[in-house]
Amino acid sequence: MAEILRPEEYRRVDETIIEVIRKNLVWVNLLQPFRITEADLEISWDEYSDMGAAKTDMFMEDMAFDNIAVGNRKTVLLPITHKEFLIRWRELQAARRAGRDLDTANVAAAAAKVAEELDRNIALGNSAFGISGIMNTTGILTVTGADFGTAPNAYETFRKARDKLIENNINPPFIAVLNPVQYGELDVLTANDNNQRRMIEGNFVDRIYYSDLVPAGEGYVIATSKQYMDHATLGGIKRKLWIDQDTQNRKGRVWGIEVPRIRVATAICKMTGI
């Protein structure tokens, strides 16, 4: 029976997938993981509203059970995102005979398509499966900022977003995701020649990312603690290869599952007008 791939060829495929993941995943890497398997068909979690203030009395007799955080139980299906690829047998044999590395361009292209869609699932959800993403879930906070192209507008807008989250009892760590244009404008210097990016990172957020999924003039500051949100995940992009018995071509598939579980929508603050 013909071998599917040699060990060094499998390594080449896996290295290609890892490299693509590293370059293409943004939103997926923001949240802490909740591990699942392909055998899990659905997942449930509680979406919480605000909890009322604590009580102070002598004997703990004023028990306001109507003032607790209310969890809205949500259950969604776990769709698999996949893409198939092909390694032709003649190209495989030619690479082996010449001692060349296996050409994995087809693998890279398939992995990139899967990574792109998985990232979109975290940012924007998937309406076909009733999944809301970070950018479009109901109940997020909003602040209005000013054009990041003029300093110190970025600094002041991030301060407003940080303060808005803290006012709503949301605690750090915070991260931010911007449109690439606004991300570039963070390097506009203030009147005192201070770099706004360095002033913002460390003071208001731990790190700032950029994504084409964010519309121009918008940005998001997000509290990433697991108590607020995480993501159901296989732990990366998986792969499988097999031989087409008719053609002897190596066929393959890459796949992944990424579903955001947003428990507290007010842990997300959208910045507009920037």
C-alpha atoms as a PDB file:
ATOM      1  CA  MET A   1       0.000   0.000   0.000  1.00  0.00           C
ATOM      2  CA  ALA A   2       1.421   3.368  -0.995  1.00  0.00           C
ATOM      3  CA  GLU A   3       2.356   5.715   1.788  1.00  0.00           C
ATOM      4  CA  ILE A   4       0.385   8.973   1.888  1.00  0.00           C
ATOM      5  CA  LEU A   5       3.357  11.205   2.701  1.00  0.00           C
ATOM      6  CA  ARG A   6       6.803  10.689   4.152  1.00  0.00           C
ATOM      7  CA  PRO A   7       7.538  12.050   7.660  1.00  0.00           C
ATOM      8  CA  GLU A   8       9.491  15.024   6.337  1.00  0.00           C
ATOM      9  CA  GLU A   9       6.630  15.826   3.938  1.00  0.00           C
ATOM     10  CA  TYR A  10       4.117  15.772   6.785  1.00  0.00           C
ATOM     11  CA  ARG A  11       6.387  18.155   8.686  1.00  0.00           C
ATOM     12  CA  ARG A  12       6.444  20.469   5.690  1.00  0.00           C
ATOM     13  CA  VAL A  13       2.627  20.464   5.561  1.00  0.00           C
ATOM     14  CA  ASP A  14       2.326  21.133   9.298  1.00  0.00           C
ATOM     15  CA  GLU A  15       4.932  23.918   9.239  1.00  0.00           C
ATOM     16  CA  THR A  16       3.020  25.570   6.409  1.00  0.00           C
ATOM     17  CA  ILE A  17      -0.257  25.483   8.356  1.00  0.00           C
ATOM     18  CA  ILE A  18       1.401  26.870  11.500  1.00  0.00           C
ATOM     19  CA  GLU A  19       2.979  29.725   9.532  1.00  0.00           C
ATOM     20  CA  VAL A  20      -0.358  30.627   7.945  1.00  0.00           C
ATOM     21  CA  ILE A  21      -2.108  30.618  11.337  1.00  0.00           C
ATOM     22  CA  ARG A  22       0.541  32.886  12.812  1.00  0.00           C
ATOM     23  CA  LYS A  23       0.118  35.436  10.016  1.00  0.00           C
ATOM     24  CA  ASN A  24      -3.642  35.358   9.506  1.00  0.00           C
ATOM     25  CA  LEU A  25      -5.349  34.925  12.881  1.00  0.00           C
ATOM     26  CA  VAL A  26      -6.035  38.096  14.896  1.00  0.00           C
ATOM     27  CA  TRP A  27      -9.407  37.848  16.631  1.00  0.00           C
ATOM     28  CA  VAL A  28      -9.018  34.164  17.474  1.00  0.00           C
ATOM     29  CA  ASN A  29      -5.847  34.876  19.452  1.00  0.00           C
ATOM     30  CA  LEU A  30      -7.443  37.629  21.558  1.00  0.00           C
ATOM     31  CA  LEU A  31      -9.609  35.364  23.702  1.00  0.00           C
ATOM     32  CA  GLN A  32      -8.797  32.560  26.092  1.00  0.00           C
ATOM     33  CA  PRO A  33      -9.652  29.082  24.785  1.00  0.00           C
ATOM     34  CA  PHE A  34     -12.388  26.688  25.840  1.00  0.00           C
ATOM     35  CA  ARG A  35     -11.320  23.365  24.348  1.00  0.00           C
ATOM     36  CA  ILE A  36     -13.798  21.229  22.424  1.00  0.00           C
ATOM     37  CA  THR A  37     -13.593  18.313  19.983  1.00  0.00           C
ATOM     38  CA  GLU A  38     -15.219  17.554  16.657  1.00  0.00           C
ATOM     39  CA  ALA A  39     -17.647  15.303  18.571  1.00  0.00           C
ATOM     40  CA  ASP A  40     -19.152  18.355  20.310  1.00  0.00           C
ATOM     41  CA  LEU A  41     -22.117  19.451  18.195  1.00  0.00           C
ATOM     42  CA  GLU A  42     -23.324  22.377  20.326  1.00  0.00           C
ATOM     43  CA  ILE A  43     -22.258  24.526  23.237  1.00  0.00           C
ATOM     44  CA  SER A  44     -24.073  26.504  25.938  1.00  0.00           C
ATOM     45  CA  TRP A  45     -23.186  29.398  28.207  1.00  0.00           C
ATOM     46  CA  ASP A  46     -24.853  32.175  30.218  1.00  0.00           C
ATOM     47  CA  GLU A  47     -25.047  35.768  29.024  1.00  0.00           C
ATOM     48  CA  TYR A  48     -25.194  37.964  32.129  1.00  0.00           C
ATOM     49  CA  SER A  49     -26.925  41.263  32.786  1.00  0.00           C
ATOM     50  CA  ASP A  50     -25.829  43.733  35.457  1.00  0.00           C
ATOM     51  CA  MET A  51     -25.735  42.661  39.081  1.00  0.00           C
ATOM     52  CA  GLY A  52     -27.191  45.049  41.638  1.00  0.00           C
ATOM     53  CA  ALA A  53     -25.284  46.636  44.506  1.00  0.00           C
ATOM     54  CA  ALA A  54     -24.277  44.690  47.615  1.00  0.00           C
ATOM     55  CA  LYS A  55     -26.342  45.064  50.794  1.00  0.00           C
ATOM     56  CA  THR A  56     -25.086  46.320  54.141  1.00  0.00           C
ATOM     57  CA  ASP A  57     -27.094  45.493  57.282  1.00  0.00           C
ATOM     58  CA  MET A  58     -26.634  43.965  60.745  1.00  0.00           C
ATOM     59  CA  PHE A  59     -27.923  40.412  60.301  1.00  0.00           C
ATOM     60  CA  MET A  60     -27.932  39.671  56.540  1.00  0.00           C
ATOM     61  CA  GLU A  61     -31.726  39.550  56.643  1.00  0.00           C
ATOM     62  CA  ASP A  62     -32.281  41.849  53.666  1.00  0.00           C
ATOM     63  CA  MET A  63     -31.537  39.214  51.046  1.00  0.00           C
ATOM     64  CA  ALA A  64     -32.283  40.766  47.667  1.00  0.00           C
ATOM     65  CA  PHE A  65     -32.382  37.654  45.523  1.00  0.00           C
ATOM     66  CA  ASP A  66     -34.177  39.733  42.910  1.00  0.00           C
ATOM     67  CA  ASN A  67     -30.993  41.780  42.607  1.00  0.00           C
ATOM     68  CA  ILE A  68     -28.641  39.057  41.368  1.00  0.00           C
ATOM     69  CA  ALA A  69     -27.009  38.772  37.979  1.00  0.00           C
ATOM     70  CA  VAL A  70     -29.454  37.230  35.571  1.00  0.00           C
ATOM     71  CA  GLY A  71     -28.043  34.677  33.169  1.00  0.00           C
ATOM     72  CA  ASN A  72     -29.705  34.196  29.818  1.00  0.00           C
ATOM     73  CA  ARG A  73     -28.845  30.653  28.784  1.00  0.00           C
ATOM     74  CA  LYS A  74     -27.671  30.502  25.184  1.00  0.00           C
ATOM     75  CA  THR A  75     -27.061  27.379  23.130  1.00  0.00           C
ATOM     76  CA  VAL A  76     -25.617  27.365  19.618  1.00  0.00           C
ATOM     77  CA  LEU A  77     -24.457  24.730  17.168  1.00  0.00           C
ATOM     78  CA  LEU A  78     -20.732  24.386  16.496  1.00  0.00           C
ATOM     79  CA  PRO A  79     -20.171  24.639  12.731  1.00  0.00           C
ATOM     80  CA  ILE A  80     -16.923  23.378  11.198  1.00  0.00           C
ATOM     81  CA  THR A  81     -15.058  25.637   8.776  1.00  0.00           C
ATOM     82  CA  HIS A  82     -13.109  23.589   6.225  1.00  0.00           C
ATOM     83  CA  LYS A  83     -11.295  23.750   2.908  1.00  0.00           C
ATOM     84  CA  GLU A  84      -9.894  20.956   0.778  1.00  0.00           C
ATOM     85  CA  PHE A  85      -6.583  20.876  -1.110  1.00  0.00           C
ATOM     86  CA  LEU A  86      -4.741  18.661  -3.577  1.00  0.00           C
ATOM     87  CA  ILE A  87      -1.147  17.459  -3.970  1.00  0.00           C
ATOM     88  CA  ARG A  88      -0.742  15.861  -7.409  1.00  0.00           C
ATOM     89  CA  TRP A  89       1.104  12.577  -7.523  1.00  0.00           C
ATOM     90  CA  ARG A  90       3.403  13.598 -10.378  1.00  0.00           C
ATOM     91  CA  GLU A  91       4.530  16.741  -8.557  1.00  0.00           C
ATOM     92  CA  LEU A  92       5.068  14.683  -5.394  1.00  0.00           C
ATOM     93  CA  GLN A  93       7.202  12.108  -7.242  1.00  0.00           C
ATOM     94  CA  ALA A  94       9.178  14.833  -9.017  1.00  0.00           C
ATOM     95  CA  ALA A  95       9.991  16.548  -5.706  1.00  0.00           C
ATOM     96  CA  ARG A  96      11.116  13.259  -4.180  1.00  0.00           C
ATOM     97  CA  ARG A  97      13.323  12.331  -7.136  1.00  0.00           C
ATOM     98  CA  ALA A  98      14.975  15.775  -7.180  1.00  0.00           C
ATOM     99  CA  GLY A  99      15.305  15.956  -3.382  1.00  0.00           C
ATOM    100  CA  ARG A 100      13.266  19.158  -3.248  1.00  0.00           C
ATOM    101  CA  ASP A 101      10.900  20.288  -0.505  1.00  0.00           C
ATOM    102  CA  LEU A 102       7.275  19.464  -1.118  1.00  0.00           C
ATOM    103  CA  ASP A 103       5.396  22.360  -2.735  1.00  0.00           C
ATOM    104  CA  THR A 104       2.741  23.276  -0.157  1.00  0.00           C
ATOM    105  CA  ALA A 105       1.262  26.346  -1.861  1.00  0.00           C
ATOM    106  CA  ASN A 106      -2.095  24.582  -2.143  1.00  0.00           C
ATOM    107  CA  VAL A 107      -2.003  23.721   1.557  1.00  0.00           C
ATOM    108  CA  ALA A 108      -1.166  27.321   2.446  1.00  0.00           C
ATOM    109  CA  ALA A 109      -4.011  28.692   0.342  1.00  0.00           C
ATOM    110  CA  ALA A 110      -6.544  26.331   1.936  1.00  0.00           C
ATOM    111  CA  ALA A 111      -5.301  27.089   5.464  1.00  0.00           C
ATOM    112  CA  ALA A 112      -5.474  30.838   4.778  1.00  0.00           C
ATOM    113  CA  LYS A 113      -9.112  30.562   3.663  1.00  0.00           C
ATOM    114  CA  VAL A 114     -10.005  28.635   6.808  1.00  0.00           C
ATOM    115  CA  ALA A 115      -8.102  31.049   9.078  1.00  0.00           C
ATOM    116  CA  GLU A 116      -9.841  34.024   7.459  1.00  0.00           C
ATOM    117  CA  GLU A 117     -13.277  32.542   8.088  1.00  0.00           C
ATOM    118  CA  LEU A 118     -12.461  31.478  11.661  1.00  0.00           C
ATOM    119  CA  ASP A 119     -11.285  34.994  12.470  1.00  0.00           C
ATOM    120  CA  ARG A 120     -14.518  36.365  10.988  1.00  0.00           C
ATOM    121  CA  ASN A 121     -16.506  34.024  13.249  1.00  0.00           C
ATOM    122  CA  ILE A 122     -14.954  35.608  16.346  1.00  0.00           C
ATOM    123  CA  ALA A 123     -15.292  39.202  15.114  1.00  0.00           C
ATOM    124  CA  LEU A 124     -18.694  39.046  13.423  1.00  0.00           C
ATOM    125  CA  GLY A 125     -20.200  35.698  14.379  1.00  0.00           C
ATOM    126  CA  ASN A 126     -22.247  33.614  11.973  1.00  0.00           C
ATOM    127  CA  SER A 127     -25.901  34.580  11.604  1.00  0.00           C
ATOM    128  CA  ALA A 128     -26.770  31.276   9.908  1.00  0.00           C
ATOM    129  CA  PHE A 129     -26.008  29.514  13.198  1.00  0.00           C
ATOM    130  CA  GLY A 130     -27.254  32.230  15.571  1.00  0.00           C
ATOM    131  CA  ILE A 131     -23.735  33.186  16.637  1.00  0.00           C
ATOM    132  CA  SER A 132     -22.901  36.789  17.566  1.00  0.00           C
ATOM    133  CA  GLY A 133     -19.356  38.129  17.329  1.00  0.00           C
ATOM    134  CA  ILE A 134     -17.421  40.654  19.359  1.00  0.00           C
ATOM    135  CA  MET A 135     -18.249  43.506  16.977  1.00  0.00           C
ATOM    136  CA  ASN A 136     -21.982  42.871  16.635  1.00  0.00           C
ATOM    137  CA  THR A 137     -23.167  41.334  19.885  1.00  0.00           C
ATOM    138  CA  THR A 138     -26.028  43.174  21.612  1.00  0.00           C
ATOM    139  CA  GLY A 139     -25.327  45.420  24.591  1.00  0.00           C
ATOM    140  CA  ILE A 140     -21.752  46.599  24.014  1.00  0.00           C
ATOM    141  CA  LEU A 141     -20.651  49.999  25.293  1.00  0.00           C
ATOM    142  CA  THR A 142     -19.908  52.932  22.993  1.00  0.00           C
ATOM    143  CA  VAL A 143     -17.834  56.104  23.228  1.00  0.00           C
ATOM    144  CA  THR A 144     -17.456  58.830  20.623  1.00  0.00           C
ATOM    145  CA  GLY A 145     -13.895  59.887  19.892  1.00  0.00           C
ATOM    146  CA  ALA A 146     -12.150  62.164  17.421  1.00  0.00           C
ATOM    147  CA  ASP A 147      -9.937  61.765  14.355  1.00  0.00           C
ATOM    148  CA  PHE A 148      -6.817  59.777  15.288  1.00  0.00           C
ATOM    149  CA  GLY A 149      -4.945  61.688  12.594  1.00  0.00           C
ATOM    150  CA  THR A 150      -4.708  64.616  15.009  1.00  0.00           C
ATOM    151  CA  ALA A 151      -2.881  64.156  18.312  1.00  0.00           C
ATOM    152  CA  PRO A 152      -3.729  63.650  21.142  1.00  0.00           C
ATOM    153  CA  ASN A 153      -7.170  62.435  19.992  1.00  0.00           C
ATOM    154  CA  ALA A 154      -6.204  58.761  20.071  1.00  0.00           C
ATOM    155  CA  TYR A 155      -4.907  59.060  23.627  1.00  0.00           C
ATOM    156  CA  GLU A 156      -8.032  60.845  24.838  1.00  0.00           C
ATOM    157  CA  THR A 157     -10.383  58.422  23.064  1.00  0.00           C
ATOM    158  CA  PHE A 158      -8.669  55.405  24.581  1.00  0.00           C
ATOM    159  CA  ARG A 159      -8.906  57.069  27.983  1.00  0.00           C
ATOM    160  CA  LYS A 160     -12.662  57.486  27.508  1.00  0.00           C
ATOM    161  CA  ALA A 161     -13.073  53.856  26.484  1.00  0.00           C
ATOM    162  CA  ARG A 162     -11.007  52.603  29.432  1.00  0.00           C
ATOM    163  CA  ASP A 163     -12.951  54.768  31.860  1.00  0.00           C
ATOM    164  CA  LYS A 164     -16.290  53.626  30.374  1.00  0.00           C
ATOM    165  CA  LEU A 165     -15.388  49.985  30.955  1.00  0.00           C
ATOM    166  CA  ILE A 166     -14.261  50.599  34.527  1.00  0.00           C
ATOM    167  CA  GLU A 167     -17.437  52.609  35.274  1.00  0.00           C
ATOM    168  CA  ASN A 168     -19.371  49.487  34.266  1.00  0.00           C
ATOM    169  CA  ASN A 169     -17.363  47.325  36.698  1.00  0.00           C
ATOM    170  CA  ILE A 170     -15.256  45.758  33.950  1.00  0.00           C
ATOM    171  CA  ASN A 171     -11.664  45.128  34.985  1.00  0.00           C
ATOM    172  CA  PRO A 172      -8.402  44.856  33.012  1.00  0.00           C
ATOM    173  CA  PRO A 173      -6.597  43.376  31.185  1.00  0.00           C
ATOM    174  CA  PHE A 174      -7.812  45.272  28.112  1.00  0.00           C
ATOM    175  CA  ILE A 175      -6.715  44.905  24.493  1.00  0.00           C
ATOM    176  CA  ALA A 176      -7.755  46.926  21.431  1.00  0.00           C
ATOM    177  CA  VAL A 177      -8.442  46.194  17.765  1.00  0.00           C
ATOM    178  CA  LEU A 178      -8.437  48.984  15.162  1.00  0.00           C
ATOM    179  CA  ASN A 179      -8.842  49.422  11.444  1.00  0.00           C
ATOM    180  CA  PRO A 180      -5.370  49.472   9.798  1.00  0.00           C
ATOM    181  CA  VAL A 181      -5.714  53.194   8.997  1.00  0.00           C
ATOM    182  CA  GLN A 182      -6.394  54.182  12.594  1.00  0.00           C
ATOM    183  CA  TYR A 183      -3.683  51.781  13.759  1.00  0.00           C
ATOM    184  CA  GLY A 184      -1.152  53.645  11.615  1.00  0.00           C
ATOM    185  CA  GLU A 185      -2.337  57.003  12.920  1.00  0.00           C
ATOM    186  CA  LEU A 186      -1.332  56.035  16.457  1.00  0.00           C
ATOM    187  CA  ASP A 187       2.208  57.050  15.545  1.00  0.00           C
ATOM    188  CA  VAL A 188       1.174  60.700  15.111  1.00  0.00           C
ATOM    189  CA  LEU A 189       3.190  62.600  17.713  1.00  0.00           C
ATOM    190  CA  THR A 190       1.713  64.928  20.303  1.00  0.00           C
ATOM    191  CA  ALA A 191       2.806  68.568  20.664  1.00  0.00           C
ATOM    192  CA  ASN A 192       5.450  67.347  23.138  1.00  0.00           C
ATOM    193  CA  ASP A 193       6.763  64.779  20.616  1.00  0.00           C
ATOM    194  CA  ASN A 194       5.271  61.884  22.569  1.00  0.00           C
ATOM    195  CA  ASN A 195       4.302  58.762  20.650  1.00  0.00           C
ATOM    196  CA  GLN A 196       0.613  58.057  21.305  1.00  0.00           C
ATOM    197  CA  ARG A 197       0.974  54.314  20.794  1.00  0.00           C
ATOM    198  CA  ARG A 198       3.521  54.032  23.594  1.00  0.00           C
ATOM    199  CA  MET A 199       1.386  56.261  25.815  1.00  0.00           C
ATOM    200  CA  ILE A 200      -1.735  54.146  25.227  1.00  0.00           C
ATOM    201  CA  GLU A 201      -0.150  50.711  25.535  1.00  0.00           C
ATOM    202  CA  GLY A 202       0.558  50.110  29.176  1.00  0.00           C
ATOM    203  CA  ASN A 203      -1.635  52.947  30.443  1.00  0.00           C
ATOM    204  CA  PHE A 204      -4.992  51.984  28.934  1.00  0.00           C
ATOM    205  CA  VAL A 205      -4.556  48.660  27.115  1.00  0.00           C
ATOM    206  CA  ASP A 206      -1.951  45.903  27.137  1.00  0.00           C
ATOM    207  CA  ARG A 207      -1.684  45.653  23.372  1.00  0.00           C
ATOM    208  CA  ILE A 208      -3.221  47.085  20.185  1.00  0.00           C
ATOM    209  CA  TYR A 209      -3.979  44.969  17.112  1.00  0.00           C
ATOM    210  CA  TYR A 210      -5.386  45.807  13.682  1.00  0.00           C
ATOM    211  CA  SER A 211      -7.845  43.982  11.449  1.00  0.00           C
ATOM    212  CA  ASP A 212      -9.429  44.639   8.060  1.00  0.00           C
ATOM    213  CA  LEU A 213     -12.728  43.483   9.566  1.00  0.00           C
ATOM    214  CA  VAL A 214     -12.945  46.683  11.612  1.00  0.00           C
ATOM    215  CA  PRO A 215     -14.627  49.476   9.576  1.00  0.00           C
ATOM    216  CA  ALA A 216     -12.674  52.689   9.056  1.00  0.00           C
ATOM    217  CA  GLY A 217     -13.261  55.161  11.855  1.00  0.00           C
ATOM    218  CA  GLU A 218     -14.012  52.480  14.454  1.00  0.00           C
ATOM    219  CA  GLY A 219     -12.112  50.561  17.098  1.00  0.00           C
ATOM    220  CA  TYR A 220     -12.798  48.195  19.983  1.00  0.00           C
ATOM    221  CA  VAL A 221     -11.405  47.976  23.497  1.00  0.00           C
ATOM    222  CA  ILE A 222     -12.063  44.556  24.969  1.00  0.00           C
ATOM    223  CA  ALA A 223     -11.660  43.013  28.424  1.00  0.00           C
ATOM    224  CA  THR A 224     -10.277  39.548  27.765  1.00  0.00           C
ATOM    225  CA  SER A 225     -10.640  37.821  31.141  1.00  0.00           C
ATOM    226  CA  LYS A 226     -12.372  34.461  30.888  1.00  0.00           C
ATOM    227  CA  GLN A 227     -15.147  35.678  33.217  1.00  0.00           C
ATOM    228  CA  TYR A 228     -16.285  38.009  30.417  1.00  0.00           C
ATOM    229  CA  MET A 229     -15.731  35.916  27.293  1.00  0.00           C
ATOM    230  CA  ASP A 230     -13.748  33.093  25.745  1.00  0.00           C
ATOM    231  CA  HIS A 231     -13.926  31.033  22.563  1.00  0.00           C
ATOM    232  CA  ALA A 232     -14.812  27.426  21.867  1.00  0.00           C
ATOM    233  CA  THR A 233     -11.967  26.002  19.813  1.00  0.00           C
ATOM    234  CA  LEU A 234     -10.265  22.829  18.633  1.00  0.00           C
ATOM    235  CA  GLY A 235      -6.990  24.493  19.590  1.00  0.00           C
ATOM    236  CA  GLY A 236      -5.879  25.340  16.069  1.00  0.00           C
ATOM    237  CA  ILE A 237      -6.409  24.266  12.482  1.00  0.00           C
ATOM    238  CA  LYS A 238      -6.452  20.491  11.975  1.00  0.00           C
ATOM    239  CA  ARG A 239      -5.508  18.550   8.852  1.00  0.00           C
ATOM    240  CA  LYS A 240      -6.021  15.139   7.277  1.00  0.00           C
ATOM    241  CA  LEU A 241      -4.633  13.618   4.074  1.00  0.00           C
ATOM    242  CA  TRP A 242      -5.582  10.560   2.051  1.00  0.00           C
ATOM    243  CA  ILE A 243      -4.878   8.963  -1.324  1.00  0.00           C
ATOM    244  CA  ASP A 244      -7.340   9.127  -4.173  1.00  0.00           C
ATOM    245  CA  GLN A 245      -7.197   5.511  -5.315  1.00  0.00           C
ATOM    246  CA  ASP A 246      -8.170   6.379  -8.882  1.00  0.00           C
ATOM    247  CA  THR A 247      -5.596   9.098  -9.532  1.00  0.00           C
ATOM    248  CA  GLN A 248      -3.038   8.501  -6.725  1.00  0.00           C
ATOM    249  CA  ASN A 249      -3.206  12.241  -5.998  1.00  0.00           C
ATOM    250  CA  ARG A 250      -2.975  13.170  -2.312  1.00  0.00           C
ATOM    251  CA  LYS A 251      -6.129  14.882  -1.190  1.00  0.00           C
ATOM    252  CA  GLY A 252      -6.325  16.831   2.014  1.00  0.00           C
ATOM    253  CA  ARG A 253      -8.573  18.893   4.222  1.00  0.00           C
ATOM    254  CA  VAL A 254      -7.895  21.599   6.789  1.00  0.00           C
ATOM    255  CA  TRP A 255     -10.582  22.560   9.288  1.00  0.00           C
ATOM    256  CA  GLY A 256     -11.283  24.341  12.533  1.00  0.00           C
ATOM    257  CA  ILE A 257     -14.043  25.437  14.895  1.00  0.00           C
ATOM    258  CA  GLU A 258     -14.143  28.910  16.462  1.00  0.00           C
ATOM    259  CA  VAL A 259     -17.195  30.220  18.319  1.00  0.00           C
ATOM    260  CA  PRO A 260     -17.049  33.211  20.699  1.00  0.00           C
ATOM    261  CA  ARG A 261     -18.822  32.814  24.056  1.00  0.00           C
ATOM    262  CA  ILE A 262     -19.564  36.380  25.164  1.00  0.00           C
ATOM    263  CA  ARG A 263     -20.918  36.275  28.707  1.00  0.00           C
ATOM    264  CA  VAL A 264     -20.765  40.014  29.461  1.00  0.00           C
ATOM    265  CA  ALA A 265     -21.335  42.289  26.455  1.00  0.00           C
ATOM    266  CA  THR A 266     -20.392  45.391  28.463  1.00  0.00           C
ATOM    267  CA  ALA A 267     -16.814  44.060  28.504  1.00  0.00           C
ATOM    268  CA  ILE A 268     -16.604  45.440  24.958  1.00  0.00           C
ATOM    269  CA  CYS A 269     -16.393  49.178  24.231  1.00  0.00           C
ATOM    270  CA  LYS A 270     -16.728  50.429  20.670  1.00  0.00           C
ATOM    271  CA  MET A 271     -14.941  53.663  19.743  1.00  0.00           C
ATOM    272  CA  THR A 272     -16.649  55.632  16.956  1.00  0.00           C
ATOM    273  CA  GLY A 273     -15.792  58.802  15.042  1.00  0.00           C
ATOM    274  CA  ILE A 274     -12.073  58.123  15.123  1.00  0.00           C
END
